[in-house]
Amino acid sequence: MFIHIGEEHVVHSNDVVAIIDRILLTSSSIVEELIMNQRKKHKVYDSSYENAKSIVITKDYIYFSPLSVSTLKKRSQLSLTLNKLEDYSDTFEE
């Protein structure tokens, strides 16, 4: 399933490694270093940096999302629920 993480960005739910609060960017040197290294490789989409409430880290890219961590969590859980419903309905079709 896919998760819409804000603006025009949609990521595959299996590719999401972490979703963290943007506040960690200023309070954690490890997160800051990770983003700086990925920025050098052009793997950071920070189009909404000023409005960002969370940081979505995927296998290949880092996104700054205008959506909160809790909103993104709900969206990811929704995709898991939909996957389970698909699997459940497939058992009745066989």
PDB file of N, CA and C in Angstrom:
ATOM      1  N   MET A   1       0.828  -1.183   0.000  1.00  0.00           N
ATOM      2  CA  MET A   1       0.000   0.000   0.000  1.00  0.00           C
ATOM      3  C   MET A   1       0.873   1.248   0.000  1.00  0.00           C
ATOM      4  N   PHE A   2       0.257   2.340  -0.323  1.00  0.00           N
ATOM      5  CA  PHE A   2       0.952   3.616  -0.375  1.00  0.00           C
ATOM      6  C   PHE A   2       0.419   4.553   0.701  1.00  0.00           C
ATOM      7  N   ILE A   3       1.279   5.463   1.140  1.00  0.00           N
ATOM      8  CA  ILE A   3       0.900   6.450   2.142  1.00  0.00           C
ATOM      9  C   ILE A   3       1.152   7.840   1.568  1.00  0.00           C
ATOM     10  N   HIS A   4       0.125   8.659   1.574  1.00  0.00           N
ATOM     11  CA  HIS A   4       0.299  10.057   1.159  1.00  0.00           C
ATOM     12  C   HIS A   4       0.870  10.802   2.358  1.00  0.00           C
ATOM     13  N   ILE A   5       2.081  11.351   2.210  1.00  0.00           N
ATOM     14  CA  ILE A   5       2.768  11.987   3.338  1.00  0.00           C
ATOM     15  C   ILE A   5       2.717  13.506   3.273  1.00  0.00           C
ATOM     16  N   GLY A   6       1.911  14.040   2.377  1.00  0.00           N
ATOM     17  CA  GLY A   6       1.762  15.479   2.269  1.00  0.00           C
ATOM     18  C   GLY A   6       2.280  15.996   0.953  1.00  0.00           C
ATOM     19  N   GLU A   7       1.751  17.170   0.583  1.00  0.00           N
ATOM     20  CA  GLU A   7       2.062  17.784  -0.700  1.00  0.00           C
ATOM     21  C   GLU A   7       1.850  16.765  -1.808  1.00  0.00           C
ATOM     22  N   GLU A   8       2.805  16.585  -2.703  1.00  0.00           N
ATOM     23  CA  GLU A   8       2.598  15.627  -3.798  1.00  0.00           C
ATOM     24  C   GLU A   8       3.354  14.319  -3.576  1.00  0.00           C
ATOM     25  N   HIS A   9       3.771  14.062  -2.353  1.00  0.00           N
ATOM     26  CA  HIS A   9       4.589  12.886  -2.072  1.00  0.00           C
ATOM     27  C   HIS A   9       3.761  11.711  -1.563  1.00  0.00           C
ATOM     28  N   VAL A  10       3.974  10.578  -2.217  1.00  0.00           N
ATOM     29  CA  VAL A  10       3.356   9.319  -1.832  1.00  0.00           C
ATOM     30  C   VAL A  10       4.470   8.290  -1.779  1.00  0.00           C
ATOM     31  N   VAL A  11       4.527   7.530  -0.686  1.00  0.00           N
ATOM     32  CA  VAL A  11       5.581   6.524  -0.546  1.00  0.00           C
ATOM     33  C   VAL A  11       4.956   5.155  -0.316  1.00  0.00           C
ATOM     34  N   HIS A  12       5.675   4.146  -0.701  1.00  0.00           N
ATOM     35  CA  HIS A  12       5.229   2.781  -0.465  1.00  0.00           C
ATOM     36  C   HIS A  12       5.427   2.467   1.014  1.00  0.00           C
ATOM     37  N   SER A  13       4.422   1.924   1.646  1.00  0.00           N
ATOM     38  CA  SER A  13       4.485   1.684   3.092  1.00  0.00           C
ATOM     39  C   SER A  13       5.617   0.731   3.478  1.00  0.00           C
ATOM     40  N   ASN A  14       5.976  -0.177   2.584  1.00  0.00           N
ATOM     41  CA  ASN A  14       7.073  -1.112   2.879  1.00  0.00           C
ATOM     42  C   ASN A  14       8.436  -0.432   2.867  1.00  0.00           C
ATOM     43  N   ASP A  15       8.529   0.744   2.251  1.00  0.00           N
ATOM     44  CA  ASP A  15       9.799   1.468   2.164  1.00  0.00           C
ATOM     45  C   ASP A  15      10.063   2.365   3.371  1.00  0.00           C
ATOM     46  N   VAL A  16       9.043   2.598   4.201  1.00  0.00           N
ATOM     47  CA  VAL A  16       9.196   3.504   5.342  1.00  0.00           C
ATOM     48  C   VAL A  16      10.037   2.836   6.427  1.00  0.00           C
ATOM     49  N   VAL A  17      11.118   3.522   6.798  1.00  0.00           N
ATOM     50  CA  VAL A  17      12.003   3.043   7.860  1.00  0.00           C
ATOM     51  C   VAL A  17      11.608   3.678   9.187  1.00  0.00           C
ATOM     52  N   ALA A  18      11.343   4.994   9.162  1.00  0.00           N
ATOM     53  CA  ALA A  18      10.983   5.703  10.383  1.00  0.00           C
ATOM     54  C   ALA A  18      10.215   6.968  10.059  1.00  0.00           C
ATOM     55  N   ILE A  19       9.362   7.355  10.996  1.00  0.00           N
ATOM     56  CA  ILE A  19       8.679   8.639  10.948  1.00  0.00           C
ATOM     57  C   ILE A  19       8.951   9.294  12.287  1.00  0.00           C
ATOM     58  N   ILE A  20       9.632  10.438  12.243  1.00  0.00           N
ATOM     59  CA  ILE A  20      10.024  11.080  13.490  1.00  0.00           C
ATOM     60  C   ILE A  20       9.563  12.531  13.529  1.00  0.00           C
ATOM     61  N   ASP A  21       9.423  13.042  14.723  1.00  0.00           N
ATOM     62  CA  ASP A  21       9.024  14.433  14.916  1.00  0.00           C
ATOM     63  C   ASP A  21      10.158  15.353  14.484  1.00  0.00           C
ATOM     64  N   ARG A  22       9.820  16.436  13.838  1.00  0.00           N
ATOM     65  CA  ARG A  22      10.829  17.376  13.329  1.00  0.00           C
ATOM     66  C   ARG A  22      11.667  17.981  14.449  1.00  0.00           C
ATOM     67  N   ILE A  23      11.139  18.047  15.649  1.00  0.00           N
ATOM     68  CA  ILE A  23      11.875  18.595  16.792  1.00  0.00           C
ATOM     69  C   ILE A  23      13.179  17.831  17.016  1.00  0.00           C
ATOM     70  N   LEU A  24      13.195  16.556  16.673  1.00  0.00           N
ATOM     71  CA  LEU A  24      14.416  15.762  16.827  1.00  0.00           C
ATOM     72  C   LEU A  24      15.554  16.255  15.946  1.00  0.00           C
ATOM     73  N   LEU A  25      15.216  16.950  14.875  1.00  0.00           N
ATOM     74  CA  LEU A  25      16.249  17.475  13.984  1.00  0.00           C
ATOM     75  C   LEU A  25      17.164  18.444  14.718  1.00  0.00           C
ATOM     76  N   THR A  26      16.581  19.290  15.528  1.00  0.00           N
ATOM     77  CA  THR A  26      17.391  20.279  16.248  1.00  0.00           C
ATOM     78  C   THR A  26      17.974  19.735  17.546  1.00  0.00           C
ATOM     79  N   SER A  27      17.390  18.673  18.074  1.00  0.00           N
ATOM     80  CA  SER A  27      17.872  18.164  19.350  1.00  0.00           C
ATOM     81  C   SER A  27      18.781  16.940  19.228  1.00  0.00           C
ATOM     82  N   SER A  28      18.899  16.385  18.042  1.00  0.00           N
ATOM     83  CA  SER A  28      19.712  15.187  17.863  1.00  0.00           C
ATOM     84  C   SER A  28      20.769  15.411  16.786  1.00  0.00           C
ATOM     85  N   SER A  29      22.014  15.337  17.171  1.00  0.00           N
ATOM     86  CA  SER A  29      23.092  15.521  16.197  1.00  0.00           C
ATOM     87  C   SER A  29      23.162  14.351  15.219  1.00  0.00           C
ATOM     88  N   ILE A  30      22.711  13.180  15.645  1.00  0.00           N
ATOM     89  CA  ILE A  30      22.729  12.001  14.766  1.00  0.00           C
ATOM     90  C   ILE A  30      21.745  12.185  13.609  1.00  0.00           C
ATOM     91  N   VAL A  31      20.542  12.634  13.924  1.00  0.00           N
ATOM     92  CA  VAL A  31      19.534  12.863  12.880  1.00  0.00           C
ATOM     93  C   VAL A  31      19.984  13.984  11.958  1.00  0.00           C
ATOM     94  N   GLU A  32      20.518  15.033  12.543  1.00  0.00           N
ATOM     95  CA  GLU A  32      21.002  16.163  11.744  1.00  0.00           C
ATOM     96  C   GLU A  32      22.113  15.718  10.793  1.00  0.00           C
ATOM     97  N   GLU A  33      23.024  14.893  11.282  1.00  0.00           N
ATOM     98  CA  GLU A  33      24.123  14.394  10.443  1.00  0.00           C
ATOM     99  C   GLU A  33      23.603  13.497   9.326  1.00  0.00           C
ATOM    100  N   LEU A  34      22.642  12.645   9.650  1.00  0.00           N
ATOM    101  CA  LEU A  34      22.037  11.773   8.645  1.00  0.00           C
ATOM    102  C   LEU A  34      21.430  12.591   7.517  1.00  0.00           C
ATOM    103  N   ILE A  35      20.683  13.618   7.863  1.00  0.00           N
ATOM    104  CA  ILE A  35      20.036  14.445   6.850  1.00  0.00           C
ATOM    105  C   ILE A  35      21.064  15.211   6.032  1.00  0.00           C
ATOM    106  N   MET A  36      22.092  15.731   6.675  1.00  0.00           N
ATOM    107  CA  MET A  36      23.133  16.452   5.927  1.00  0.00           C
ATOM    108  C   MET A  36      23.834  15.529   4.936  1.00  0.00           C
ATOM    109  N   ASN A  37      24.136  14.297   5.344  1.00  0.00           N
ATOM    110  CA  ASN A  37      24.787  13.341   4.443  1.00  0.00           C
ATOM    111  C   ASN A  37      23.886  12.979   3.262  1.00  0.00           C
ATOM    112  N   GLN A  38      22.612  12.776   3.531  1.00  0.00           N
ATOM    113  CA  GLN A  38      21.671  12.432   2.463  1.00  0.00           C
ATOM    114  C   GLN A  38      21.413  13.625   1.546  1.00  0.00           C
ATOM    115  N   ARG A  39      21.468  14.820   2.098  1.00  0.00           N
ATOM    116  CA  ARG A  39      21.289  16.031   1.290  1.00  0.00           C
ATOM    117  C   ARG A  39      22.405  16.142   0.258  1.00  0.00           C
ATOM    118  N   LYS A  40      23.629  15.792   0.651  1.00  0.00           N
ATOM    119  CA  LYS A  40      24.766  15.821  -0.283  1.00  0.00           C
ATOM    120  C   LYS A  40      24.550  14.864  -1.446  1.00  0.00           C
ATOM    121  N   LYS A  41      23.829  13.782  -1.191  1.00  0.00           N
ATOM    122  CA  LYS A  41      23.551  12.781  -2.226  1.00  0.00           C
ATOM    123  C   LYS A  41      22.260  13.098  -2.987  1.00  0.00           C
ATOM    124  N   HIS A  42      21.654  14.246  -2.700  1.00  0.00           N
ATOM    125  CA  HIS A  42      20.403  14.682  -3.329  1.00  0.00           C
ATOM    126  C   HIS A  42      19.274  13.698  -3.059  1.00  0.00           C
ATOM    127  N   LYS A  43      19.199  13.212  -1.823  1.00  0.00           N
ATOM    128  CA  LYS A  43      18.161  12.254  -1.459  1.00  0.00           C
ATOM    129  C   LYS A  43      17.235  12.802  -0.383  1.00  0.00           C
ATOM    130  N   VAL A  44      17.152  14.145  -0.304  1.00  0.00           N
ATOM    131  CA  VAL A  44      16.270  14.775   0.669  1.00  0.00           C
ATOM    132  C   VAL A  44      15.293  15.678  -0.075  1.00  0.00           C
ATOM    133  N   TYR A  45      14.000  15.458   0.179  1.00  0.00           N
ATOM    134  CA  TYR A  45      12.957  16.326  -0.361  1.00  0.00           C
ATOM    135  C   TYR A  45      12.496  17.225   0.775  1.00  0.00           C
ATOM    136  N   ASP A  46      12.992  18.443   0.775  1.00  0.00           N
ATOM    137  CA  ASP A  46      12.626  19.352   1.852  1.00  0.00           C
ATOM    138  C   ASP A  46      11.853  20.563   1.344  1.00  0.00           C
ATOM    139  N   SER A  47      10.949  20.301   0.415  1.00  0.00           N
ATOM    140  CA  SER A  47      10.159  21.391  -0.159  1.00  0.00           C
ATOM    141  C   SER A  47       9.266  22.060   0.880  1.00  0.00           C
ATOM    142  N   SER A  48       8.876  21.321   1.900  1.00  0.00           N
ATOM    143  CA  SER A  48       8.021  21.906   2.940  1.00  0.00           C
ATOM    144  C   SER A  48       8.776  22.037   4.254  1.00  0.00           C
ATOM    145  N   TYR A  49      10.064  22.307   4.170  1.00  0.00           N
ATOM    146  CA  TYR A  49      10.919  22.369   5.354  1.00  0.00           C
ATOM    147  C   TYR A  49      10.384  23.331   6.407  1.00  0.00           C
ATOM    148  N   GLU A  50       9.934  24.515   6.010  1.00  0.00           N
ATOM    149  CA  GLU A  50       9.446  25.514   6.959  1.00  0.00           C
ATOM    150  C   GLU A  50       8.160  25.064   7.651  1.00  0.00           C
ATOM    151  N   ASN A  51       7.331  24.328   6.930  1.00  0.00           N
ATOM    152  CA  ASN A  51       6.050  23.870   7.468  1.00  0.00           C
ATOM    153  C   ASN A  51       6.102  22.443   8.001  1.00  0.00           C
ATOM    154  N   ALA A  52       7.252  21.839   7.982  1.00  0.00           N
ATOM    155  CA  ALA A  52       7.372  20.425   8.345  1.00  0.00           C
ATOM    156  C   ALA A  52       7.047  20.185   9.813  1.00  0.00           C
ATOM    157  N   LYS A  53       6.272  19.132  10.032  1.00  0.00           N
ATOM    158  CA  LYS A  53       5.975  18.682  11.390  1.00  0.00           C
ATOM    159  C   LYS A  53       6.636  17.343  11.671  1.00  0.00           C
ATOM    160  N   SER A  54       7.008  16.646  10.596  1.00  0.00           N
ATOM    161  CA  SER A  54       7.644  15.343  10.777  1.00  0.00           C
ATOM    162  C   SER A  54       8.640  15.078   9.654  1.00  0.00           C
ATOM    163  N   ILE A  55       9.465  14.091   9.887  1.00  0.00           N
ATOM    164  CA  ILE A  55      10.456  13.656   8.904  1.00  0.00           C
ATOM    165  C   ILE A  55      10.180  12.190   8.607  1.00  0.00           C
ATOM    166  N   VAL A  56      10.005  11.866   7.338  1.00  0.00           N
ATOM    167  CA  VAL A  56       9.745  10.490   6.923  1.00  0.00           C
ATOM    168  C   VAL A  56      11.019   9.961   6.276  1.00  0.00           C
ATOM    169  N   ILE A  57      11.567   8.924   6.872  1.00  0.00           N
ATOM    170  CA  ILE A  57      12.789   8.314   6.351  1.00  0.00           C
ATOM    171  C   ILE A  57      12.404   7.005   5.672  1.00  0.00           C
ATOM    172  N   THR A  58      12.723   6.924   4.379  1.00  0.00           N
ATOM    173  CA  THR A  58      12.461   5.699   3.626  1.00  0.00           C
ATOM    174  C   THR A  58      13.796   5.049   3.279  1.00  0.00           C
ATOM    175  N   LYS A  59      13.723   3.920   2.614  1.00  0.00           N
ATOM    176  CA  LYS A  59      14.947   3.213   2.227  1.00  0.00           C
ATOM    177  C   LYS A  59      15.841   4.069   1.338  1.00  0.00           C
ATOM    178  N   ASP A  60      15.241   4.912   0.504  1.00  0.00           N
ATOM    179  CA  ASP A  60      16.014   5.670  -0.477  1.00  0.00           C
ATOM    180  C   ASP A  60      16.054   7.171  -0.251  1.00  0.00           C
ATOM    181  N   TYR A  61      15.035   7.740   0.383  1.00  0.00           N
ATOM    182  CA  TYR A  61      14.930   9.194   0.497  1.00  0.00           C
ATOM    183  C   TYR A  61      14.475   9.620   1.886  1.00  0.00           C
ATOM    184  N   ILE A  62      14.646  10.917   2.144  1.00  0.00           N
ATOM    185  CA  ILE A  62      14.134  11.540   3.362  1.00  0.00           C
ATOM    186  C   ILE A  62      13.196  12.653   2.927  1.00  0.00           C
ATOM    187  N   TYR A  63      12.009  12.687   3.528  1.00  0.00           N
ATOM    188  CA  TYR A  63      10.998  13.685   3.194  1.00  0.00           C
ATOM    189  C   TYR A  63      10.659  14.495   4.439  1.00  0.00           C
ATOM    190  N   PHE A  64      10.468  15.799   4.254  1.00  0.00           N
ATOM    191  CA  PHE A  64       9.924  16.651   5.303  1.00  0.00           C
ATOM    192  C   PHE A  64       8.435  16.763   5.028  1.00  0.00           C
ATOM    193  N   SER A  65       7.632  16.334   5.978  1.00  0.00           N
ATOM    194  CA  SER A  65       6.187  16.293   5.781  1.00  0.00           C
ATOM    195  C   SER A  65       5.481  17.369   6.605  1.00  0.00           C
ATOM    196  N   PRO A  66       4.483  18.023   6.009  1.00  0.00           N
ATOM    197  CA  PRO A  66       3.698  19.001   6.766  1.00  0.00           C
ATOM    198  C   PRO A  66       2.691  18.332   7.706  1.00  0.00           C
ATOM    199  N   LEU A  67       2.616  17.010   7.667  1.00  0.00           N
ATOM    200  CA  LEU A  67       1.680  16.273   8.514  1.00  0.00           C
ATOM    201  C   LEU A  67       2.377  15.817   9.797  1.00  0.00           C
ATOM    202  N   SER A  68       1.615  15.699  10.864  1.00  0.00           N
ATOM    203  CA  SER A  68       2.183  15.285  12.146  1.00  0.00           C
ATOM    204  C   SER A  68       2.473  13.784  12.146  1.00  0.00           C
ATOM    205  N   VAL A  69       3.284  13.379  13.090  1.00  0.00           N
ATOM    206  CA  VAL A  69       3.627  11.966  13.234  1.00  0.00           C
ATOM    207  C   VAL A  69       2.363  11.140  13.476  1.00  0.00           C
ATOM    208  N   SER A  70       1.463  11.640  14.322  1.00  0.00           N
ATOM    209  CA  SER A  70       0.243  10.879  14.618  1.00  0.00           C
ATOM    210  C   SER A  70      -0.651  10.714  13.388  1.00  0.00           C
ATOM    211  N   THR A  71      -0.737  11.744  12.545  1.00  0.00           N
ATOM    212  CA  THR A  71      -1.532  11.641  11.316  1.00  0.00           C
ATOM    213  C   THR A  71      -0.932  10.603  10.378  1.00  0.00           C
ATOM    214  N   LEU A  72       0.385  10.637  10.228  1.00  0.00           N
ATOM    215  CA  LEU A  72       1.044   9.667   9.350  1.00  0.00           C
ATOM    216  C   LEU A  72       0.915   8.247   9.911  1.00  0.00           C
ATOM    217  N   LYS A  73       0.956   8.122  11.220  1.00  0.00           N
ATOM    218  CA  LYS A  73       0.778   6.811  11.843  1.00  0.00           C
ATOM    219  C   LYS A  73      -0.617   6.266  11.541  1.00  0.00           C
ATOM    220  N   LYS A  74      -1.626   7.118  11.660  1.00  0.00           N
ATOM    221  CA  LYS A  74      -2.997   6.700  11.353  1.00  0.00           C
ATOM    222  C   LYS A  74      -3.119   6.269   9.901  1.00  0.00           C
ATOM    223  N   ARG A  75      -2.487   7.018   9.013  1.00  0.00           N
ATOM    224  CA  ARG A  75      -2.547   6.670   7.585  1.00  0.00           C
ATOM    225  C   ARG A  75      -1.856   5.334   7.318  1.00  0.00           C
ATOM    226  N   SER A  76      -0.751   5.081   7.988  1.00  0.00           N
ATOM    227  CA  SER A  76      -0.051   3.814   7.777  1.00  0.00           C
ATOM    228  C   SER A  76      -0.855   2.654   8.354  1.00  0.00           C
ATOM    229  N   GLN A  77      -1.508   2.873   9.484  1.00  0.00           N
ATOM    230  CA  GLN A  77      -2.342   1.826  10.068  1.00  0.00           C
ATOM    231  C   GLN A  77      -3.557   1.548   9.196  1.00  0.00           C
ATOM    232  N   LEU A  78      -4.073   2.588   8.556  1.00  0.00           N
ATOM    233  CA  LEU A  78      -5.197   2.408   7.641  1.00  0.00           C
ATOM    234  C   LEU A  78      -4.791   1.514   6.490  1.00  0.00           C
ATOM    235  N   SER A  79      -3.583   1.715   5.959  1.00  0.00           N
ATOM    236  CA  SER A  79      -3.146   0.877   4.843  1.00  0.00           C
ATOM    237  C   SER A  79      -2.963  -0.569   5.302  1.00  0.00           C
ATOM    238  N   LEU A  80      -2.492  -0.773   6.538  1.00  0.00           N
ATOM    239  CA  LEU A  80      -2.366  -2.133   7.057  1.00  0.00           C
ATOM    240  C   LEU A  80      -3.730  -2.790   7.201  1.00  0.00           C
ATOM    241  N   THR A  81      -4.709  -2.029   7.684  1.00  0.00           N
ATOM    242  CA  THR A  81      -6.064  -2.547   7.830  1.00  0.00           C
ATOM    243  C   THR A  81      -6.649  -2.914   6.478  1.00  0.00           C
ATOM    244  N   LEU A  82      -6.438  -2.069   5.481  1.00  0.00           N
ATOM    245  CA  LEU A  82      -6.945  -2.360   4.138  1.00  0.00           C
ATOM    246  C   LEU A  82      -6.290  -3.613   3.567  1.00  0.00           C
ATOM    247  N   ASN A  83      -4.994  -3.788   3.815  1.00  0.00           N
ATOM    248  CA  ASN A  83      -4.311  -5.000   3.360  1.00  0.00           C
ATOM    249  C   ASN A  83      -4.926  -6.240   4.005  1.00  0.00           C
ATOM    250  N   LYS A  84      -5.208  -6.158   5.298  1.00  0.00           N
ATOM    251  CA  LYS A  84      -5.805  -7.302   6.005  1.00  0.00           C
ATOM    252  C   LYS A  84      -7.189  -7.607   5.456  1.00  0.00           C
ATOM    253  N   LEU A  85      -7.962  -6.551   5.154  1.00  0.00           N
ATOM    254  CA  LEU A  85      -9.288  -6.758   4.583  1.00  0.00           C
ATOM    255  C   LEU A  85      -9.206  -7.413   3.211  1.00  0.00           C
ATOM    256  N   GLU A  86      -8.221  -7.008   2.405  1.00  0.00           N
ATOM    257  CA  GLU A  86      -8.026  -7.634   1.092  1.00  0.00           C
ATOM    258  C   GLU A  86      -7.710  -9.108   1.250  1.00  0.00           C
ATOM    259  N   ASP A  87      -6.792  -9.421   2.159  1.00  0.00           N
ATOM    260  CA  ASP A  87      -6.422 -10.813   2.400  1.00  0.00           C
ATOM    261  C   ASP A  87      -7.622 -11.614   2.886  1.00  0.00           C
ATOM    262  N   TYR A  88      -8.427 -11.029   3.749  1.00  0.00           N
ATOM    263  CA  TYR A  88      -9.606 -11.683   4.301  1.00  0.00           C
ATOM    264  C   TYR A  88     -10.631 -11.962   3.212  1.00  0.00           C
ATOM    265  N   SER A  89     -10.859 -10.974   2.329  1.00  0.00           N
ATOM    266  CA  SER A  89     -11.844 -11.155   1.271  1.00  0.00           C
ATOM    267  C   SER A  89     -11.347 -12.157   0.231  1.00  0.00           C
ATOM    268  N   ASP A  90     -10.032 -12.263   0.035  1.00  0.00           N
ATOM    269  CA  ASP A  90      -9.472 -13.230  -0.903  1.00  0.00           C
ATOM    270  C   ASP A  90      -9.756 -14.656  -0.457  1.00  0.00           C
ATOM    271  N   THR A  91      -9.829 -14.900   0.841  1.00  0.00           N
ATOM    272  CA  THR A  91     -10.074 -16.261   1.329  1.00  0.00           C
ATOM    273  C   THR A  91     -11.488 -16.714   0.979  1.00  0.00           C
ATOM    274  N   PHE A  92     -12.441 -15.795   0.856  1.00  0.00           N
ATOM    275  CA  PHE A  92     -13.795 -16.154   0.497  1.00  0.00           C
ATOM    276  C   PHE A  92     -13.981 -16.346  -0.996  1.00  0.00           C
ATOM    277  N   GLU A  93     -13.090 -15.775  -1.797  1.00  0.00           N
ATOM    278  CA  GLU A  93     -13.210 -15.898  -3.237  1.00  0.00           C
ATOM    279  C   GLU A  93     -12.673 -17.237  -3.731  1.00  0.00           C
ATOM    280  N   GLU A  94     -11.834 -17.875  -2.937  1.00  0.00           N
ATOM    281  CA  GLU A  94     -11.214 -19.139  -3.394  1.00  0.00           C
ATOM    282  C   GLU A  94     -12.103 -20.300  -3.267  1.00  0.00           C
TER     283      GLU A  94
END
